[in-house]
Every structure is written in structure tokens, then in C-alpha cells.
Amino acid sequence: MSRTITAVAQHPSYIKVLASYSPEDLVEQATQKLLSAGIQLIEFRYQLYRRMGVPAVVMNPCYLVEDDQLDEASNTVADLGLPLTSPLSTNANTEGKFVTLSRLHRITASTTPGIQQFLQLLPVSFTGLVPCDLIPSPSLSKASIRIPRESAVYACLIRIIARSSRHDPTRVQAQSDLGMLAMHHMYGMEGYSEEDDDLAPDEDPAVQGALERVREWSCKGEWRVGEEWIGDLLHTYLGGSYYEPYFPWTD
């Protein structure tokens, strides 16, 4: 996949575009343009996590795109005046392939670290998601955008963890995302502190509810053939007896 930047993305006129619209408006324009061009978008990361109850701030909206459409998608966004930008080394060192594989298109005029925002396009192969993992977005205005089923979100994060080396920042970031989802989506905890929790896992209704949900996914056959281990691992992880060193990794 080559990184082709259209001429307009390199022209100073993009500054006027970025200064004239809010990041939300620019993302709306970009997604509508991509959908009109027949490019399938799959919602991913923080806006997806928000749907699942994580109180996350969505600084950089992220969409998965089919690998063979990634160049076209990136050029389409650049044609709107959203310049393709290299990731900061600090982001690459903390998020790994979540950013190094991405096409990052700036949606703010500011380039100050911590303030600048991006529209992030990631190749879908990074997650291992396939069409049967996806459902339509519940938002009428984004009816053509797909989102992964809840079980598929957990499966893709565990898949990323398992395919990463032991100390890869990609693995660390995927584990962080998994922990956020476990806390807020599975356990439904807000402002949780371990000091406030004196219940054993087998007595904790939040933990037992999470385990029951995983059992339901397993009973419904929501794990792929050959990946039933993901359901077993998730069940053990949510039960509180599975620790980071025991997650699979690649050398």
C-alpha cells in the first residue's frame, strides 16, 4: 500500500479549509464523501467504545477501510483539504500499529501536540474483522457505516494482542483498550476504585453478569471456528484470574 498524497493536500489552501470548519463538520464531510464514493467505513476505537459505554473523549475519529481501498480513501479525504500527516514519534511509541499503519488526516488548523486532531483511516486487515462480524450503524445519518458486533470488538482486540510481540506498544495499547471495555462495558463501573470493592469475583454481580454475557456469546457460536479459545480467555480474564503475561504473543 503506497502512501499517495494528492496535490491539494500539499497546497497552503488546506489551512483555510481547516480554519473554516469544526473538526466534527470536517469528519462529517469526509465520511459522506467516502460513502458516496462507495468506500465502506467501519467505526473503530473511541467512537465505537463510546457506543459501548466507555466515557472516552473522541479526539481522533477512526474508521477501518478495506486494504485495497485505503489509497483511494486517503486521496479522497486529502482532496477535501485534510492533509495527510505523519504520526508523532511519541504516539507511535505508545500506540504502535494503531497509528503507524494509519492514514492520519488533520482536522484542525493547529499542529500543537495535544491539540491537533486527526481523522484516522486504518486497514481492516489489522483487526482481522470480516463482513460477518459487522452490523449496520444504529445512527440513521450514518446508515451505511458498519460497526463490529460487541463480541467481535473483544475478539479483534485479543487477536491484535496475540499477534503482537511481548513488548510491542501495539499489544500494550490493545490491552489498555480491552481493560477500558471490561471496566465500563462489561462491569458497568463508573468511578470504580479497588478500595471500594471487597467482594470476591464469584460474589460480585458485575463480574458474574460479565461472565454470563461471554457464556451467551459462546453458546450462540459468536467466535469463529478455531478461535473458541478467545471466548475461554475472555471468560477467565473477566473472572479476575488471568494476568497480562499469560496473554498469547508472537516472538
Protein backbone atom coordinates (compact mmCIF):
# COMPACT_ATOMS: atom_id res chain seq x y z
CA MET A 1 0.00 0.00 0.00
CA SER A 2 1.69 3.19 -1.18
CA ARG A 3 1.19 6.49 0.60
CA THR A 4 -0.01 8.75 -2.22
CA ILE A 5 -0.76 12.37 -1.33
CA THR A 6 -2.77 14.43 -3.79
CA ALA A 7 -1.51 17.87 -4.79
CA VAL A 8 -4.27 19.73 -2.98
CA ALA A 9 -3.20 18.17 0.31
CA GLN A 10 0.22 19.78 -0.07
CA HIS A 11 -1.12 23.22 -1.03
CA PRO A 12 -1.39 26.02 1.57
CA SER A 13 -5.11 26.33 0.74
CA TYR A 14 -5.77 23.47 3.14
CA ILE A 15 -5.13 25.89 6.02
CA LYS A 16 -8.24 27.86 5.03
CA VAL A 17 -10.29 24.66 4.93
CA LEU A 18 -9.16 23.59 8.39
CA ALA A 19 -9.78 27.04 9.83
CA SER A 20 -13.27 27.35 8.30
CA TYR A 21 -14.92 24.27 9.78
CA SER A 22 -15.07 22.47 13.10
CA PRO A 23 -13.41 19.06 13.34
CA GLU A 24 -16.88 17.50 13.60
CA ASP A 25 -18.01 19.17 10.37
CA LEU A 26 -14.86 18.10 8.56
CA VAL A 27 -15.30 14.48 9.66
CA GLU A 28 -18.95 14.58 8.55
CA GLN A 29 -17.97 15.92 5.13
CA ALA A 30 -15.21 13.34 4.77
CA THR A 31 -17.31 10.34 5.76
CA GLN A 32 -20.15 11.36 3.46
CA LYS A 33 -17.69 11.81 0.58
CA LEU A 34 -16.15 8.40 1.24
CA LEU A 35 -19.52 6.67 1.44
CA SER A 36 -20.65 8.38 -1.77
CA ALA A 37 -17.50 7.05 -3.45
CA GLY A 38 -18.51 3.51 -2.48
CA ILE A 39 -15.86 3.12 0.21
CA GLN A 40 -17.06 1.01 3.13
CA LEU A 41 -16.32 2.50 6.54
CA ILE A 42 -16.22 0.55 9.77
CA GLU A 43 -16.37 2.51 13.02
CA PHE A 44 -13.49 1.70 15.32
CA ARG A 45 -11.83 2.68 18.57
CA TYR A 46 -13.06 5.52 20.73
CA GLN A 47 -16.30 6.46 19.00
CA LEU A 48 -17.13 2.74 18.95
CA TYR A 49 -16.14 2.38 22.61
CA ARG A 50 -18.43 5.29 23.49
CA ARG A 51 -21.32 3.32 22.00
CA MET A 52 -20.36 0.55 24.40
CA GLY A 53 -20.42 2.77 27.47
CA VAL A 54 -16.81 3.91 27.77
CA PRO A 55 -16.74 7.62 28.74
CA ALA A 56 -13.99 8.32 26.21
CA VAL A 57 -13.21 11.65 24.55
CA VAL A 58 -13.08 11.14 20.78
CA MET A 59 -10.16 13.30 19.67
CA ASN A 60 -9.29 11.31 16.55
CA PRO A 61 -12.28 9.60 14.90
CA CYS A 62 -11.14 6.28 13.45
CA TYR A 63 -12.57 4.16 10.65
CA LEU A 64 -11.42 0.87 9.22
CA VAL A 65 -11.21 0.64 5.44
CA GLU A 66 -10.67 -2.35 3.15
CA ASP A 67 -6.95 -2.60 2.42
CA ASP A 68 -7.41 -2.29 -1.35
CA GLN A 69 -9.45 0.91 -0.86
CA LEU A 70 -7.10 2.61 1.59
CA ASP A 71 -5.17 4.63 -1.01
CA GLU A 72 -8.39 5.78 -2.66
CA ALA A 73 -9.93 6.67 0.71
CA SER A 74 -6.87 8.65 1.77
CA ASN A 75 -6.75 10.58 -1.50
CA THR A 76 -10.47 11.31 -1.31
CA VAL A 77 -10.03 12.84 2.15
CA ALA A 78 -6.95 14.78 1.00
CA ASP A 79 -8.95 16.17 -1.92
CA LEU A 80 -11.25 17.80 0.63
CA GLY A 81 -8.28 19.70 2.02
CA LEU A 82 -7.47 17.48 5.02
CA PRO A 83 -3.70 16.96 4.78
CA LEU A 84 -2.09 13.60 5.29
CA THR A 85 0.23 13.83 8.29
CA SER A 86 2.89 11.55 9.74
CA PRO A 87 2.26 10.35 13.30
CA LEU A 88 4.25 11.90 16.10
CA SER A 89 7.02 9.63 17.34
CA THR A 90 5.53 9.80 20.83
CA ASN A 91 2.21 8.43 19.53
CA ALA A 92 3.96 5.71 17.54
CA ASN A 93 5.92 4.69 20.63
CA THR A 94 2.80 4.45 22.80
CA GLU A 95 0.20 3.13 20.33
CA GLY A 96 2.29 1.17 17.87
CA LYS A 97 0.49 -0.06 14.77
CA PHE A 98 -2.73 1.65 15.82
CA VAL A 99 -1.09 4.80 14.43
CA THR A 100 1.84 3.62 12.28
CA LEU A 101 -0.50 1.71 9.97
CA SER A 102 -2.96 4.61 9.85
CA ARG A 103 -3.50 7.35 7.35
CA LEU A 104 -3.81 10.38 9.63
CA HIS A 105 -5.58 13.37 8.06
CA ARG A 106 -5.50 16.56 10.09
CA ILE A 107 -8.89 18.07 11.02
CA THR A 108 -7.57 21.05 13.00
CA ALA A 109 -5.60 24.08 11.85
CA SER A 110 -3.41 23.77 14.94
CA THR A 111 -0.41 21.48 14.79
CA THR A 112 0.34 21.79 18.51
CA PRO A 113 0.76 18.31 20.07
CA GLY A 114 -2.17 17.53 22.31
CA ILE A 115 -4.43 19.97 20.46
CA GLN A 116 -4.27 18.84 16.84
CA GLN A 117 -6.81 16.23 15.84
CA PHE A 118 -6.97 13.70 13.02
CA LEU A 119 -9.34 11.61 11.00
CA GLN A 120 -7.74 8.20 11.22
CA LEU A 121 -8.10 5.54 8.50
CA LEU A 122 -6.82 2.05 9.35
CA PRO A 123 -6.61 -1.02 7.09
CA VAL A 124 -9.20 -3.55 8.20
CA SER A 125 -6.66 -6.40 7.98
CA PHE A 126 -5.01 -5.01 11.13
CA THR A 127 -8.06 -6.07 13.16
CA GLY A 128 -8.90 -9.30 11.37
CA LEU A 129 -12.56 -8.25 11.16
CA VAL A 130 -14.59 -9.79 8.33
CA PRO A 131 -18.09 -8.95 6.97
CA CYS A 132 -19.90 -11.44 9.22
CA ASP A 133 -18.51 -9.56 12.27
CA LEU A 134 -20.30 -6.35 11.26
CA ILE A 135 -23.74 -4.84 11.70
CA PRO A 136 -25.23 -1.55 10.40
CA SER A 137 -24.66 1.58 12.46
CA PRO A 138 -27.75 2.39 14.56
CA SER A 139 -27.39 6.06 13.57
CA LEU A 140 -29.74 6.99 10.73
CA SER A 141 -27.37 9.66 9.45
CA LYS A 142 -24.59 7.08 9.19
CA ALA A 143 -26.69 4.20 7.95
CA SER A 144 -24.03 3.00 5.53
CA ILE A 145 -21.31 2.82 8.17
CA ARG A 146 -20.81 -0.56 9.80
CA ILE A 147 -19.86 -1.35 13.38
CA PRO A 148 -18.49 -4.61 14.77
CA ARG A 149 -20.71 -6.81 16.93
CA GLU A 150 -19.81 -6.47 20.61
CA SER A 151 -18.22 -9.91 20.76
CA ALA A 152 -16.23 -9.10 17.61
CA VAL A 153 -14.79 -5.98 19.26
CA TYR A 154 -13.34 -8.09 22.07
CA ALA A 155 -12.18 -10.76 19.63
CA CYS A 156 -10.31 -8.29 17.43
CA LEU A 157 -8.50 -6.73 20.41
CA ILE A 158 -7.47 -10.13 21.73
CA ARG A 159 -6.41 -11.08 18.20
CA ILE A 160 -4.22 -7.96 18.00
CA ILE A 161 -2.70 -8.79 21.39
CA ALA A 162 -1.96 -12.36 20.33
CA ARG A 163 -0.37 -11.27 17.05
CA SER A 164 1.95 -8.73 18.71
CA SER A 165 5.32 -9.34 20.30
CA ARG A 166 5.60 -9.29 24.08
CA HIS A 167 6.79 -5.68 24.46
CA ASP A 168 5.20 -4.20 21.33
CA PRO A 169 3.39 -0.91 22.13
CA THR A 170 0.59 -2.22 19.90
CA ARG A 171 0.00 -5.00 22.39
CA VAL A 172 0.11 -2.61 25.34
CA GLN A 173 -2.42 -0.30 23.69
CA ALA A 174 -4.77 -3.18 22.81
CA GLN A 175 -4.62 -4.38 26.41
CA SER A 176 -5.44 -0.86 27.59
CA ASP A 177 -8.46 -0.74 25.25
CA LEU A 178 -9.56 -4.17 26.46
CA GLY A 179 -9.31 -3.02 30.07
CA MET A 180 -11.43 0.07 29.38
CA LEU A 181 -14.13 -2.03 27.76
CA ALA A 182 -14.08 -4.58 30.56
CA MET A 183 -14.45 -1.86 33.18
CA HIS A 184 -17.22 0.15 31.57
CA HIS A 185 -18.99 -2.13 29.11
CA MET A 186 -18.77 -5.46 30.89
CA TYR A 187 -18.73 -4.43 34.54
CA GLY A 188 -20.63 -1.15 34.07
CA MET A 189 -18.43 0.62 36.60
CA GLU A 190 -18.12 4.40 36.87
CA GLY A 191 -15.58 5.92 39.24
CA TYR A 192 -14.54 2.43 40.33
CA SER A 193 -11.82 2.03 42.93
CA GLU A 194 -10.39 -1.27 44.10
CA GLU A 195 -10.58 0.07 47.63
CA ASP A 196 -14.38 0.14 47.28
CA ASP A 197 -14.59 -3.46 46.08
CA ASP A 198 -14.49 -6.05 48.85
CA LEU A 199 -16.49 -8.73 47.02
CA ALA A 200 -14.89 -11.90 45.71
CA PRO A 201 -15.43 -12.37 41.95
CA ASP A 202 -17.85 -15.25 42.50
CA GLU A 203 -19.97 -12.97 44.71
CA ASP A 204 -19.74 -9.81 42.62
CA PRO A 205 -22.87 -9.30 40.46
CA ALA A 206 -20.94 -7.09 37.99
CA VAL A 207 -18.37 -9.83 37.39
CA GLN A 208 -20.97 -12.57 37.18
CA GLY A 209 -23.03 -10.53 34.73
CA ALA A 210 -19.97 -10.08 32.51
CA LEU A 211 -19.21 -13.79 32.62
CA GLU A 212 -22.79 -14.65 31.72
CA ARG A 213 -22.59 -12.37 28.68
CA VAL A 214 -19.46 -14.17 27.46
CA ARG A 215 -21.15 -17.54 28.01
CA GLU A 216 -24.08 -16.36 25.89
CA TRP A 217 -21.72 -15.33 23.09
CA SER A 218 -20.06 -18.74 23.25
CA CYS A 219 -23.41 -20.57 23.24
CA LYS A 220 -24.53 -18.57 20.20
CA GLY A 221 -21.34 -19.52 18.35
CA GLU A 222 -20.12 -15.93 18.00
CA TRP A 223 -16.47 -16.99 17.98
CA ARG A 224 -15.01 -18.20 14.71
CA VAL A 225 -14.18 -21.84 14.18
CA GLY A 226 -10.72 -22.33 15.62
CA GLU A 227 -10.99 -19.19 17.77
CA GLU A 228 -13.14 -20.57 20.56
CA TRP A 229 -10.10 -20.02 22.78
CA ILE A 230 -10.88 -16.30 22.63
CA GLY A 231 -14.13 -16.88 24.49
CA ASP A 232 -12.36 -19.04 27.06
CA LEU A 233 -9.61 -16.44 27.55
CA LEU A 234 -12.10 -13.57 27.84
CA HIS A 235 -14.15 -15.52 30.39
CA THR A 236 -11.06 -16.13 32.52
CA TYR A 237 -9.84 -12.55 32.13
CA LEU A 238 -13.17 -11.08 33.23
CA GLY A 239 -13.27 -13.50 36.14
CA GLY A 240 -10.15 -11.85 37.52
CA SER A 241 -7.75 -14.78 37.35
CA TYR A 242 -5.96 -14.03 34.09
CA TYR A 243 -2.91 -11.80 34.04
CA GLU A 244 -1.05 -9.95 31.29
CA PRO A 245 1.94 -12.29 30.98
CA TYR A 246 -0.42 -15.14 30.10
CA PHE A 247 -1.96 -13.45 27.06
CA PRO A 248 -0.58 -15.06 23.89
CA TRP A 249 2.11 -13.20 21.95
CA THR A 250 4.34 -13.72 18.95
CA ASP A 251 8.14 -13.72 19.10
